[in-house]
Every structure is written in structure tokens, then in C-alpha cells.
Amino acid sequence: MDQQALLVVMTVFVAVAAVAMVFQAVMLWGVSKSARAVEERVAKLAPKVESLAESSRAAIDEGRANMAEITARTKEILDTTQRQLNRVDQVLEDVTDRVRVQFDRAEMVVDDAMTRAQETVAMVHGGIIKPIREINGVAAGIRAALHYFMRGGRPTPDTVTADEEMFI
């Protein structure tokens, strides 16, 4: 290639490079302008973000303090509840033992009363009712004998017939 053509090609490439550099400079200037706008907006928002961060920190600290207080109170309540449940359990065990003893005593009293009642009934039956029945039997025999002797002679046929019909 000759030198003239080489010079033209180099000039064209230098011109293209110069245009690219100008285009890059314009783009850089636009990016710079956008960065300043963003910086201004961020500068306006920075105090608000900082106050929000501070209030968030304060709320978190307050929340931690409240949580610590709640945790301590909850622990106290749970400890108190545990102690009360232990006391209730002891009372229930004591009541159960006492009730069991009272039931045993009541059963012994009822058994003793039943035994005495049976012995009394047996004594009444053997000592009073049996002799009364024997006396009743003897009296019934005496009554029948008296009735037989008082009746006179033989029974009338109507009486005998009536007596026989009773058994039929």
C-alpha cells in the first residue's frame, strides 16, 4: 500500500477515535450529572434515614428491655406456678391418704355393725322368737284339744263335708 492511502486510513481512524472520545466525554458528563442528582437526593434522604435508624435502634433497645422484663416476670410466674402445683400435689396426696384411711375405718364400722346386727337377730330369733313359736304351738294344740272336747260328740255330716271340701 502506498503511503498516501495509509495516511488516509490513519486519518479516518484518528477521526473515528476522536468522535468516540467526544462521545465518551459527553456520556461521562451525563453520568456525572446523574450522579450529582442522585447524590443530592441521597443527601436529602440521609437525615431521614439516620433518624429512622436511630428510632429503630431505640425501639429495638426498648424491645430488648421489655423482652428481658417479660422474660423475668414469666420466669417468676412459672416458678410460682411450679411451687403452687407442688403444694397442690402434696395436699391431694394427703387428702387421698386421709380419705383412704377414713374409708377403711367406715368399712370396719359397717362390718362391725352388720356383725352385731346379725348376732342380735340370731339372739332374738333363738331367745325370743323360738320360745314364742313353741308357746304358740303349745297354745294352738291346747286350743285344738279344747275345741275338740267342747264340740261334743261326733261332727255333723255337713261339717265333715265342709272340712273335706276345704282340702279338695
N, C-alpha and C. Protein backbone atom coordinates (compact mmCIF):
# COMPACT_ATOMS: atom_id res chain seq x y z
N MET A 1 0.82 -1.15 0.00
CA MET A 1 0.00 0.00 0.00
C MET A 1 0.87 1.23 0.00
N ASP A 2 0.29 2.15 -0.56
CA ASP A 2 1.17 3.30 -0.68
C ASP A 2 0.96 4.20 0.51
N GLN A 3 1.75 5.16 0.64
CA GLN A 3 1.80 5.98 1.83
C GLN A 3 0.61 6.91 1.91
N GLN A 4 0.16 7.31 0.78
CA GLN A 4 -0.99 8.20 0.73
C GLN A 4 -2.21 7.47 1.28
N ALA A 5 -2.45 6.28 0.89
CA ALA A 5 -3.60 5.51 1.33
C ALA A 5 -3.47 5.20 2.83
N LEU A 6 -2.26 4.93 3.23
CA LEU A 6 -2.02 4.65 4.64
C LEU A 6 -2.32 5.88 5.48
N LEU A 7 -1.96 7.03 4.97
CA LEU A 7 -2.20 8.28 5.66
C LEU A 7 -3.72 8.55 5.76
N VAL A 8 -4.46 8.26 4.73
CA VAL A 8 -5.91 8.47 4.72
C VAL A 8 -6.56 7.50 5.72
N VAL A 9 -6.14 6.27 5.73
CA VAL A 9 -6.72 5.29 6.63
C VAL A 9 -6.43 5.69 8.08
N MET A 10 -5.23 6.17 8.31
CA MET A 10 -4.88 6.58 9.68
C MET A 10 -5.68 7.81 10.08
N THR A 11 -5.89 8.73 9.15
CA THR A 11 -6.66 9.93 9.45
C THR A 11 -8.10 9.55 9.78
N VAL A 12 -8.65 8.62 8.99
CA VAL A 12 -10.03 8.19 9.23
C VAL A 12 -10.11 7.54 10.62
N PHE A 13 -9.15 6.67 10.93
CA PHE A 13 -9.17 6.02 12.24
C PHE A 13 -8.97 7.01 13.37
N VAL A 14 -8.14 8.01 13.19
CA VAL A 14 -7.93 9.03 14.21
C VAL A 14 -9.22 9.83 14.38
N ALA A 15 -9.92 10.17 13.28
CA ALA A 15 -11.16 10.92 13.34
C ALA A 15 -12.22 10.10 14.07
N VAL A 16 -12.32 8.81 13.75
CA VAL A 16 -13.29 7.94 14.41
C VAL A 16 -12.96 7.87 15.89
N ALA A 17 -11.66 7.76 16.22
CA ALA A 17 -11.25 7.70 17.62
C ALA A 17 -11.59 9.02 18.31
N ALA A 18 -11.42 10.17 17.63
CA ALA A 18 -11.72 11.46 18.22
C ALA A 18 -13.23 11.58 18.48
N VAL A 19 -14.05 11.12 17.52
CA VAL A 19 -15.50 11.18 17.69
C VAL A 19 -15.90 10.28 18.86
N ALA A 20 -15.29 9.11 18.96
CA ALA A 20 -15.60 8.19 20.05
C ALA A 20 -15.23 8.81 21.39
N MET A 21 -14.07 9.52 21.41
CA MET A 21 -13.64 10.18 22.64
C MET A 21 -14.59 11.30 23.02
N VAL A 22 -15.09 12.06 22.04
CA VAL A 22 -16.04 13.13 22.32
C VAL A 22 -17.34 12.51 22.83
N PHE A 23 -17.77 11.42 22.15
CA PHE A 23 -18.99 10.73 22.58
C PHE A 23 -18.83 10.21 24.02
N GLN A 24 -17.68 9.65 24.35
CA GLN A 24 -17.41 9.17 25.69
C GLN A 24 -17.39 10.32 26.70
N ALA A 25 -16.85 11.44 26.29
CA ALA A 25 -16.81 12.60 27.17
C ALA A 25 -18.23 13.09 27.48
N VAL A 26 -19.08 13.13 26.43
CA VAL A 26 -20.48 13.54 26.63
C VAL A 26 -21.19 12.56 27.56
N MET A 27 -20.95 11.28 27.33
CA MET A 27 -21.57 10.25 28.17
C MET A 27 -21.08 10.36 29.62
N LEU A 28 -19.82 10.61 29.79
CA LEU A 28 -19.23 10.76 31.12
C LEU A 28 -19.81 11.98 31.81
N TRP A 29 -19.99 13.07 31.02
CA TRP A 29 -20.58 14.28 31.58
C TRP A 29 -22.02 13.97 32.02
N GLY A 30 -22.82 13.19 31.24
CA GLY A 30 -24.20 12.81 31.60
C GLY A 30 -24.22 11.93 32.85
N VAL A 31 -23.28 10.99 32.93
CA VAL A 31 -23.19 10.13 34.12
C VAL A 31 -22.86 10.97 35.34
N SER A 32 -21.96 11.94 35.17
CA SER A 32 -21.57 12.82 36.27
C SER A 32 -22.78 13.63 36.75
N LYS A 33 -23.54 14.15 35.76
CA LYS A 33 -24.73 14.92 36.11
C LYS A 33 -25.75 14.05 36.84
N SER A 34 -25.97 12.83 36.39
CA SER A 34 -26.90 11.89 37.05
C SER A 34 -26.40 11.54 38.44
N ALA A 35 -25.10 11.35 38.60
CA ALA A 35 -24.53 11.02 39.90
C ALA A 35 -24.74 12.16 40.88
N ARG A 36 -24.57 13.44 40.38
CA ARG A 36 -24.81 14.60 41.26
C ARG A 36 -26.29 14.66 41.69
N ALA A 37 -27.22 14.35 40.76
CA ALA A 37 -28.65 14.37 41.08
C ALA A 37 -28.97 13.30 42.13
N VAL A 38 -28.39 12.13 41.93
CA VAL A 38 -28.60 11.05 42.90
C VAL A 38 -27.99 11.44 44.23
N GLU A 39 -26.82 12.07 44.19
CA GLU A 39 -26.15 12.50 45.42
C GLU A 39 -27.00 13.51 46.17
N GLU A 40 -27.62 14.44 45.43
CA GLU A 40 -28.48 15.44 46.07
C GLU A 40 -29.69 14.77 46.72
N ARG A 41 -30.29 13.81 46.01
CA ARG A 41 -31.45 13.10 46.57
C ARG A 41 -31.05 12.30 47.81
N VAL A 42 -29.90 11.65 47.71
CA VAL A 42 -29.42 10.87 48.86
C VAL A 42 -29.11 11.80 50.01
N ALA A 43 -28.55 12.97 49.71
CA ALA A 43 -28.25 13.94 50.77
C ALA A 43 -29.53 14.40 51.45
N LYS A 44 -30.61 14.55 50.66
CA LYS A 44 -31.89 14.94 51.25
C LYS A 44 -32.48 13.80 52.10
N LEU A 45 -32.27 12.56 51.67
CA LEU A 45 -32.84 11.42 52.38
C LEU A 45 -31.98 10.97 53.56
N ALA A 46 -30.72 11.34 53.56
CA ALA A 46 -29.79 10.87 54.60
C ALA A 46 -30.27 11.22 56.01
N PRO A 47 -30.71 12.45 56.29
CA PRO A 47 -31.18 12.74 57.66
C PRO A 47 -32.40 11.89 58.04
N LYS A 48 -33.28 11.70 57.07
CA LYS A 48 -34.47 10.89 57.36
C LYS A 48 -34.07 9.45 57.66
N VAL A 49 -33.15 8.92 56.87
CA VAL A 49 -32.68 7.54 57.08
C VAL A 49 -31.97 7.43 58.42
N GLU A 50 -31.17 8.45 58.74
CA GLU A 50 -30.47 8.42 60.02
C GLU A 50 -31.45 8.48 61.19
N SER A 51 -32.48 9.35 61.08
CA SER A 51 -33.48 9.43 62.17
C SER A 51 -34.27 8.12 62.27
N LEU A 52 -34.56 7.52 61.11
CA LEU A 52 -35.25 6.23 61.09
C LEU A 52 -34.38 5.16 61.74
N ALA A 53 -33.09 5.18 61.43
CA ALA A 53 -32.17 4.22 62.03
C ALA A 53 -32.09 4.43 63.54
N GLU A 54 -32.05 5.68 63.96
CA GLU A 54 -31.99 5.97 65.40
C GLU A 54 -33.25 5.51 66.11
N SER A 55 -34.41 5.84 65.50
CA SER A 55 -35.66 5.42 66.14
C SER A 55 -35.77 3.89 66.14
N SER A 56 -35.27 3.25 65.08
CA SER A 56 -35.27 1.79 65.03
C SER A 56 -34.38 1.22 66.12
N ARG A 57 -33.22 1.81 66.30
CA ARG A 57 -32.32 1.35 67.36
C ARG A 57 -32.97 1.53 68.73
N ALA A 58 -33.60 2.70 68.91
CA ALA A 58 -34.26 2.96 70.20
C ALA A 58 -35.39 1.95 70.42
N ALA A 59 -36.18 1.68 69.38
CA ALA A 59 -37.27 0.72 69.50
C ALA A 59 -36.73 -0.67 69.79
N ILE A 60 -35.65 -1.03 69.13
CA ILE A 60 -35.05 -2.35 69.37
C ILE A 60 -34.52 -2.43 70.79
N ASP A 61 -33.84 -1.38 71.25
CA ASP A 61 -33.33 -1.38 72.63
C ASP A 61 -34.48 -1.46 73.64
N GLU A 62 -35.53 -0.69 73.38
CA GLU A 62 -36.69 -0.72 74.27
C GLU A 62 -37.35 -2.11 74.24
N GLY A 63 -37.43 -2.67 73.03
CA GLY A 63 -37.99 -4.02 72.89
C GLY A 63 -37.17 -5.05 73.64
N ARG A 64 -35.87 -4.92 73.57
CA ARG A 64 -35.00 -5.84 74.30
C ARG A 64 -35.22 -5.70 75.80
N ALA A 65 -35.31 -4.45 76.27
CA ALA A 65 -35.54 -4.23 77.70
C ALA A 65 -36.88 -4.83 78.12
N ASN A 66 -37.92 -4.57 77.30
CA ASN A 66 -39.24 -5.12 77.60
C ASN A 66 -39.23 -6.65 77.57
N MET A 67 -38.55 -7.21 76.60
CA MET A 67 -38.47 -8.66 76.49
C MET A 67 -37.75 -9.24 77.70
N ALA A 68 -36.69 -8.56 78.15
CA ALA A 68 -35.97 -9.03 79.33
C ALA A 68 -36.88 -8.98 80.56
N GLU A 69 -37.65 -7.89 80.68
CA GLU A 69 -38.57 -7.75 81.81
C GLU A 69 -39.67 -8.82 81.73
N ILE A 70 -40.22 -9.00 80.54
CA ILE A 70 -41.27 -10.01 80.35
C ILE A 70 -40.72 -11.40 80.63
N THR A 71 -39.52 -11.66 80.18
CA THR A 71 -38.91 -12.97 80.42
C THR A 71 -38.72 -13.19 81.92
N ALA A 72 -38.25 -12.15 82.62
CA ALA A 72 -38.05 -12.28 84.07
C ALA A 72 -39.38 -12.53 84.78
N ARG A 73 -40.40 -11.76 84.41
CA ARG A 73 -41.72 -11.94 85.05
C ARG A 73 -42.30 -13.32 84.73
N THR A 74 -42.14 -13.73 83.48
CA THR A 74 -42.64 -15.05 83.09
C THR A 74 -41.95 -16.13 83.89
N LYS A 75 -40.65 -15.99 84.08
CA LYS A 75 -39.90 -16.97 84.86
C LYS A 75 -40.41 -16.99 86.29
N GLU A 76 -40.66 -15.81 86.87
CA GLU A 76 -41.19 -15.75 88.22
C GLU A 76 -42.56 -16.42 88.31
N ILE A 77 -43.41 -16.13 87.33
CA ILE A 77 -44.75 -16.73 87.30
C ILE A 77 -44.65 -18.24 87.19
N LEU A 78 -43.78 -18.71 86.30
CA LEU A 78 -43.63 -20.15 86.14
C LEU A 78 -43.07 -20.81 87.40
N ASP A 79 -42.14 -20.13 88.07
CA ASP A 79 -41.61 -20.67 89.32
C ASP A 79 -42.69 -20.74 90.39
N THR A 80 -43.47 -19.66 90.50
CA THR A 80 -44.57 -19.63 91.47
C THR A 80 -45.59 -20.72 91.15
N THR A 81 -45.92 -20.85 89.89
CA THR A 81 -46.88 -21.88 89.46
C THR A 81 -46.36 -23.27 89.81
N GLN A 82 -45.08 -23.49 89.57
CA GLN A 82 -44.49 -24.79 89.89
C GLN A 82 -44.57 -25.08 91.39
N ARG A 83 -44.26 -24.06 92.21
CA ARG A 83 -44.35 -24.25 93.66
C ARG A 83 -45.80 -24.54 94.07
N GLN A 84 -46.75 -23.78 93.51
CA GLN A 84 -48.16 -24.00 93.85
C GLN A 84 -48.62 -25.39 93.43
N LEU A 85 -48.20 -25.82 92.25
CA LEU A 85 -48.58 -27.16 91.78
C LEU A 85 -47.99 -28.24 92.68
N ASN A 86 -46.78 -28.02 93.15
CA ASN A 86 -46.18 -28.98 94.08
C ASN A 86 -46.98 -29.03 95.38
N ARG A 87 -47.40 -27.85 95.87
CA ARG A 87 -48.21 -27.81 97.10
C ARG A 87 -49.55 -28.51 96.89
N VAL A 88 -50.19 -28.22 95.75
CA VAL A 88 -51.48 -28.85 95.44
C VAL A 88 -51.31 -30.37 95.35
N ASP A 89 -50.22 -30.80 94.74
CA ASP A 89 -49.96 -32.23 94.63
C ASP A 89 -49.79 -32.85 96.01
N GLN A 90 -49.07 -32.18 96.90
CA GLN A 90 -48.89 -32.68 98.26
C GLN A 90 -50.22 -32.75 99.00
N VAL A 91 -51.03 -31.69 98.84
CA VAL A 91 -52.34 -31.65 99.50
C VAL A 91 -53.22 -32.78 98.98
N LEU A 92 -53.21 -32.99 97.67
CA LEU A 92 -54.03 -34.06 97.09
C LEU A 92 -53.57 -35.44 97.59
N GLU A 93 -52.26 -35.62 97.68
CA GLU A 93 -51.76 -36.90 98.21
C GLU A 93 -52.21 -37.08 99.65
N ASP A 94 -52.12 -36.01 100.46
CA ASP A 94 -52.53 -36.08 101.86
C ASP A 94 -54.02 -36.38 101.96
N VAL A 95 -54.82 -35.68 101.16
CA VAL A 95 -56.27 -35.89 101.18
C VAL A 95 -56.60 -37.32 100.75
N THR A 96 -55.91 -37.80 99.73
CA THR A 96 -56.16 -39.16 99.26
C THR A 96 -55.84 -40.17 100.35
N ASP A 97 -54.71 -39.98 101.03
CA ASP A 97 -54.36 -40.89 102.12
C ASP A 97 -55.39 -40.84 103.24
N ARG A 98 -55.82 -39.63 103.61
CA ARG A 98 -56.80 -39.50 104.69
C ARG A 98 -58.14 -40.11 104.29
N VAL A 99 -58.56 -39.89 103.06
CA VAL A 99 -59.83 -40.46 102.60
C VAL A 99 -59.75 -41.98 102.61
N ARG A 100 -58.61 -42.51 102.17
CA ARG A 100 -58.43 -43.96 102.17
C ARG A 100 -58.54 -44.51 103.60
N VAL A 101 -57.90 -43.83 104.56
CA VAL A 101 -57.96 -44.27 105.97
C VAL A 101 -59.40 -44.19 106.47
N GLN A 102 -60.10 -43.08 106.13
CA GLN A 102 -61.49 -42.93 106.59
C GLN A 102 -62.39 -44.01 105.97
N PHE A 103 -62.15 -44.34 104.68
CA PHE A 103 -62.95 -45.40 104.05
C PHE A 103 -62.68 -46.74 104.75
N ASP A 104 -61.43 -46.99 105.09
CA ASP A 104 -61.12 -48.23 105.81
C ASP A 104 -61.83 -48.27 107.15
N ARG A 105 -61.80 -47.13 107.87
CA ARG A 105 -62.48 -47.06 109.16
C ARG A 105 -63.99 -47.25 109.00
N ALA A 106 -64.56 -46.59 108.00
CA ALA A 106 -66.01 -46.71 107.76
C ALA A 106 -66.36 -48.15 107.42
N GLU A 107 -65.52 -48.80 106.63
CA GLU A 107 -65.78 -50.19 106.28
C GLU A 107 -65.73 -51.08 107.53
N MET A 108 -64.77 -50.81 108.40
CA MET A 108 -64.68 -51.58 109.65
C MET A 108 -65.91 -51.35 110.51
N VAL A 109 -66.37 -50.09 110.61
CA VAL A 109 -67.55 -49.77 111.41
C VAL A 109 -68.79 -50.46 110.83
N VAL A 110 -68.93 -50.40 109.50
CA VAL A 110 -70.09 -51.03 108.86
C VAL A 110 -70.03 -52.55 109.06
N ASP A 111 -68.85 -53.14 108.88
CA ASP A 111 -68.72 -54.59 109.08
C ASP A 111 -69.06 -54.95 110.53
N ASP A 112 -68.55 -54.18 111.48
CA ASP A 112 -68.83 -54.44 112.89
C ASP A 112 -70.33 -54.31 113.17
N ALA A 113 -70.95 -53.25 112.63
CA ALA A 113 -72.39 -53.05 112.84
C ALA A 113 -73.19 -54.19 112.23
N MET A 114 -72.79 -54.63 111.05
CA MET A 114 -73.51 -55.74 110.40
C MET A 114 -73.35 -57.03 111.22
N THR A 115 -72.14 -57.27 111.71
CA THR A 115 -71.91 -58.46 112.53
C THR A 115 -72.74 -58.41 113.80
N ARG A 116 -72.76 -57.27 114.46
CA ARG A 116 -73.56 -57.13 115.69
C ARG A 116 -75.05 -57.28 115.40
N ALA A 117 -75.49 -56.69 114.27
CA ALA A 117 -76.90 -56.80 113.91
C ALA A 117 -77.26 -58.26 113.65
N GLN A 118 -76.39 -58.98 112.97
CA GLN A 118 -76.67 -60.39 112.71
C GLN A 118 -76.68 -61.20 114.01
N GLU A 119 -75.73 -60.88 114.89
CA GLU A 119 -75.70 -61.58 116.18
C GLU A 119 -76.96 -61.27 116.98
N THR A 120 -77.40 -60.01 116.94
CA THR A 120 -78.60 -59.61 117.68
C THR A 120 -79.82 -60.31 117.12
N VAL A 121 -79.92 -60.34 115.78
CA VAL A 121 -81.06 -61.03 115.15
C VAL A 121 -81.04 -62.50 115.52
N ALA A 122 -79.86 -63.11 115.51
CA ALA A 122 -79.76 -64.53 115.86
C ALA A 122 -80.17 -64.74 117.32
N MET A 123 -79.72 -63.83 118.20
CA MET A 123 -80.08 -63.96 119.62
C MET A 123 -81.59 -63.77 119.81
N VAL A 124 -82.17 -62.76 119.12
CA VAL A 124 -83.62 -62.52 119.24
C VAL A 124 -84.37 -63.73 118.71
N HIS A 125 -83.92 -64.23 117.58
CA HIS A 125 -84.58 -65.37 116.98
C HIS A 125 -84.47 -66.59 117.89
N GLY A 126 -83.27 -66.83 118.41
CA GLY A 126 -83.08 -68.00 119.27
C GLY A 126 -83.66 -67.82 120.65
N GLY A 127 -83.60 -66.63 121.20
CA GLY A 127 -84.00 -66.42 122.59
C GLY A 127 -85.44 -65.99 122.75
N ILE A 128 -86.03 -65.34 121.76
CA ILE A 128 -87.39 -64.80 121.94
C ILE A 128 -88.37 -65.44 120.97
N ILE A 129 -88.03 -65.41 119.69
CA ILE A 129 -89.00 -65.86 118.68
C ILE A 129 -89.19 -67.38 118.76
N LYS A 130 -88.13 -68.13 118.95
CA LYS A 130 -88.26 -69.58 119.02
C LYS A 130 -89.14 -70.00 120.19
N PRO A 131 -88.90 -69.45 121.40
CA PRO A 131 -89.82 -69.82 122.51
C PRO A 131 -91.24 -69.36 122.26
N ILE A 132 -91.40 -68.18 121.62
CA ILE A 132 -92.76 -67.68 121.33
C ILE A 132 -93.46 -68.64 120.38
N ARG A 133 -92.73 -69.12 119.38
CA ARG A 133 -93.33 -70.08 118.44
C ARG A 133 -93.69 -71.39 119.16
N GLU A 134 -92.81 -71.80 120.03
CA GLU A 134 -93.10 -73.03 120.78
C GLU A 134 -94.34 -72.84 121.65
N ILE A 135 -94.42 -71.68 122.32
CA ILE A 135 -95.58 -71.38 123.16
C ILE A 135 -96.82 -71.29 122.29
N ASN A 136 -96.69 -70.65 121.10
CA ASN A 136 -97.80 -70.55 120.16
C ASN A 136 -98.26 -71.94 119.73
N GLY A 137 -97.27 -72.81 119.48
CA GLY A 137 -97.62 -74.18 119.08
C GLY A 137 -98.34 -74.93 120.19
N VAL A 138 -97.83 -74.80 121.40
CA VAL A 138 -98.47 -75.46 122.55
C VAL A 138 -99.87 -74.88 122.73
N ALA A 139 -100.01 -73.55 122.62
CA ALA A 139 -101.32 -72.91 122.79
C ALA A 139 -102.27 -73.37 121.69
N ALA A 140 -101.78 -73.49 120.48
CA ALA A 140 -102.63 -73.95 119.38
C ALA A 140 -103.08 -75.39 119.64
N GLY A 141 -102.17 -76.20 120.16
CA GLY A 141 -102.54 -77.59 120.49
C GLY A 141 -103.59 -77.63 121.58
N ILE A 142 -103.40 -76.82 122.63
CA ILE A 142 -104.37 -76.77 123.73
C ILE A 142 -105.71 -76.26 123.20
N ARG A 143 -105.69 -75.24 122.35
CA ARG A 143 -106.90 -74.70 121.77
C ARG A 143 -107.64 -75.76 120.94
N ALA A 144 -106.85 -76.52 120.14
CA ALA A 144 -107.48 -77.56 119.31
C ALA A 144 -108.08 -78.65 120.20
N ALA A 145 -107.33 -78.99 121.26
CA ALA A 145 -107.85 -80.03 122.15
C ALA A 145 -109.13 -79.55 122.85
N LEU A 146 -109.11 -78.31 123.32
CA LEU A 146 -110.29 -77.75 123.97
C LEU A 146 -111.45 -77.67 122.98
N HIS A 147 -111.12 -77.27 121.81
CA HIS A 147 -112.16 -77.15 120.79
C HIS A 147 -112.75 -78.54 120.50
N TYR A 148 -111.90 -79.51 120.48
CA TYR A 148 -112.35 -80.87 120.20
C TYR A 148 -113.24 -81.38 121.33
N PHE A 149 -112.77 -81.13 122.56
CA PHE A 149 -113.54 -81.61 123.69
C PHE A 149 -114.81 -80.80 123.90
N MET A 150 -114.87 -79.56 123.53
CA MET A 150 -116.02 -78.71 123.73
C MET A 150 -117.07 -78.94 122.66
N ARG A 151 -116.69 -79.42 121.63
CA ARG A 151 -117.58 -79.60 120.49
C ARG A 151 -118.63 -80.64 120.78
N GLY A 152 -118.32 -81.48 121.51
CA GLY A 152 -119.26 -82.51 121.84
C GLY A 152 -118.93 -83.77 121.06
N GLY A 153 -119.89 -84.55 120.76
CA GLY A 153 -119.72 -85.85 120.12
C GLY A 153 -119.17 -85.74 118.72
N ARG A 154 -119.87 -86.43 117.93
CA ARG A 154 -119.40 -86.55 116.56
C ARG A 154 -119.78 -85.32 115.77
N PRO A 155 -119.01 -85.06 114.77
CA PRO A 155 -119.37 -83.91 113.94
C PRO A 155 -120.55 -84.24 113.04
N THR A 156 -121.26 -83.21 112.66
CA THR A 156 -122.39 -83.39 111.78
C THR A 156 -121.87 -83.64 110.38
N PRO A 157 -122.68 -84.31 109.56
CA PRO A 157 -122.21 -84.59 108.19
C PRO A 157 -121.94 -83.31 107.40
N ASP A 158 -122.63 -82.26 107.66
CA ASP A 158 -122.38 -81.01 106.94
C ASP A 158 -120.99 -80.46 107.27
N THR A 159 -120.60 -80.55 108.53
CA THR A 159 -119.30 -80.07 108.95
C THR A 159 -118.20 -80.91 108.33
N VAL A 160 -118.37 -82.22 108.37
CA VAL A 160 -117.37 -83.11 107.80
C VAL A 160 -117.24 -82.87 106.32
N THR A 161 -118.35 -82.69 105.63
CA THR A 161 -118.32 -82.43 104.20
C THR A 161 -117.64 -81.11 103.92
N ALA A 162 -117.90 -80.11 104.70
CA ALA A 162 -117.27 -78.80 104.51
C ALA A 162 -115.78 -78.89 104.76
N ASP A 163 -115.41 -79.65 105.79
CA ASP A 163 -113.96 -79.82 106.07
C ASP A 163 -113.27 -80.56 104.95
N GLU A 164 -113.91 -81.54 104.39
CA GLU A 164 -113.29 -82.31 103.30
C GLU A 164 -113.19 -81.46 102.04
N GLU A 165 -114.19 -80.64 101.82
CA GLU A 165 -114.18 -79.79 100.60
C GLU A 165 -113.07 -78.75 100.68
N MET A 166 -112.69 -78.39 101.88
CA MET A 166 -111.61 -77.43 102.03
C MET A 166 -110.29 -78.00 101.50
N PHE A 167 -110.09 -79.27 101.67
CA PHE A 167 -108.83 -79.88 101.27
C PHE A 167 -108.84 -80.29 99.79
N ILE A 168 -109.98 -80.27 99.15
CA ILE A 168 -110.07 -80.69 97.76
C ILE A 168 -109.73 -79.58 96.84
